[in-house]
Amino acid sequence: MSLPPEKASELKQLIHQQLSKMDVHGRIREILAETIREELAPDQQHLSTEDLIKALRRRGIIDDVMKELNFVTDSVDQELPSSPKQPICFDRQSTLKKSDGTRMADSTTMLSISDPIHMVLIKTDIFGETTLVASYFLEWRSVLGSENGVTSLTVELMGVGTESKVSVGILNIKLEMYPPLNQTLSQEVVNTQLALERQKTAEKERLFLVYAKQWWREYLQIRPSHNSRLVKIFAQDENGINRPVCSYVKPLRAGRLLDTPRQAARFVNVLGYERAPVIGGGGKQEQWCTLLAFLCRNKGDCEDHANLLCSLLLGYGLEAFVCVGTKAKGVPHAWVMTCGTDGTITFWESLTGHRYIHKPTNPDEPPLAEQPKPLYPYRTVGCVFNHQMFLGNCQPSDAVETCVFDLNDESKWKPMSEEAIKSVCAPGATTSLPPFPPLCASTIDASVTSNEIEMQLRLLVSEHRKDLGLTTVWEDQLSYLLSPALASYEFERTTSISAGNEEFQDAIRRAVPDGHTFKGFPIHFVYRNARRAFATCLRSPFCEEIICCRGDQVRLAVRVRVFTYPESACAVWIMFACKYRSVL
């Protein structure tokens, strides 16, 4: 297990300070000069790394450094503080704890770590489109009972969704403990532990299923019409395994990759939307992806987006819930809700990043009374949940516009036992999904990618106009002036605040001479395929009018701006523009 990035940075800084305090660099330079002067042969041009290390050891520099860099340890029961001096090891819940810095956890302690290794297999085509091929949870602890801490496994990877019973291939895996354990366990001990865990897991799942059935019966007794409400207690993952919906949500901290909840909403919004594939007719195929599978393929259904956004908002300290209900025309949908300390209810649409304040209408008001008109697209809500709570809507109507989201009022929301949810969804529980992986920083160079897409679009436009018998003249200055508008659009999407538009309009007025006409068309994508984006732009009559512009002194411009987010997600803004002399 590795340190989180912020802790690793603090540890590096501490070591750097200690090395500076000891003037290690100065001492190394002195030894380097002395070694070159005294030991290097006249015909030898370079000093090898091995020779330098030997000289440092001979003069005791390395020993002095290791003596000074002491790690302070404390009792195992205390949590890791903000100081980075303490090394880490696994405990039973796979959280970071302080340990004896001279050794790693022993084999017995590691045997108690029940979190599997989650492996996800992704296929990427030549256009950059990703497909989820397989998702596998590897039980790694057999290596604890193997000789020399090395073992080889062969696992069969199965497909996902409707193909979860179809084999996609065989994977040969070699596991090795590093550093090696001082004492290995017998295979019998390991097998006994795994068997006991499986038995315990099965019993917990059985008890929760019994409780869920009882809760559902009580819910239906309140009002028989509840049977038609979208109360989702279990959902199938990509492997076709039924899991409590609460297990798909856990507080997730984004470190320094996302600064605000609204920026987190924008990040979730730019992840691609794709419904689970279904073979034949008969409606929507259910598939709630685990977080790792969702992030690896960078796209998913509305439930995947809602689960991720709820997890991020919980990480920011908000009281967040996933809502399951319907939108227009009764289409099943999932979105996120936050409850403010002042009672304000805010809906977050994870597919668009939009936020809506909920003000319930009173159905008992007289018909002439003015009622607030809802701006959100949601029609009904059947249940809300997060990592600790599950509540079924038991109000007379499940229409969102009349619902009161006072979750503490059991006459309006029927709660599940938090202890029952905790038994199968709490971190470290053998029935729960493994801890969420930390978000990864983007590997995309925004400037380089923006320029590449822009050059490709210029070529595509020129070829398209050539086919129409039109010449193409690009104006670089006009293209550059489009940049502030694209930055303003992205800023508005993230913060809901419009800024910078006045400067953009003033610059364009100065760049377009009297008697000339300017036209611009901005458009937004969440992928980086220039040819696909160009084909989409041509389907807009207004954009096609700009690209195929005819007239006197026609000058074309295009500007691309890529905004990067974690997991190599990105928002791509494109603006096509033209100016030409108006002829009456």
Foldseek 3Di string as FASTA:
>chain_A
DDDPPVLVVLVVVVLVVLCVVVVLVVVLVVLVVVCCVPPNDPVDDDDDPVNSVVSCVVVCNVVVSVVSLDQDFDDFPDADDPRSRFDFAQALLRDTTGDPVVDYDALVRVLSNLAFDKDWDWDQDPLRAIDTFFIDTHDDSLLLADPQSKDKDKDWTFGWFPGLVPTPDIDIDMGGDPPTHPDGDHSVVSVVSVVVLVVLLVVLVVVLVVQVVVLVVVLCVLDVVLVPFPQQQWFQAGNRDTDGLQLLAAAAEQPPQADDLLSQLVQLQLQAEDFDDDDDDDDGGTHAYRLVNCLQSSYYHQSNLQRSSQNHVVNVVWAKKKWWGAFPPGHTHIWMWTADPVRWIWTARSNQSDIFTADAFAPPDPPVDDTDDGPDRTFFTAWIHYNQKIWGANDPGRGRNHQRPPCVPCNGIPIRDSVSSCCQRPRSRSNHHHDDDHFAAAPDDFVVLQVVLQVVLVVVLQVVLVVVVHHAAADPVVQVLCVQVVVQVVVCSRPVDGDDPVVSVVVVVVVADPQKDKDKDKDKHFDSRNVVVVVVQCVDPSSVCLSNPDAAPKYKYKGWGWDAGISNTIMIMMMIMIMHGDDD
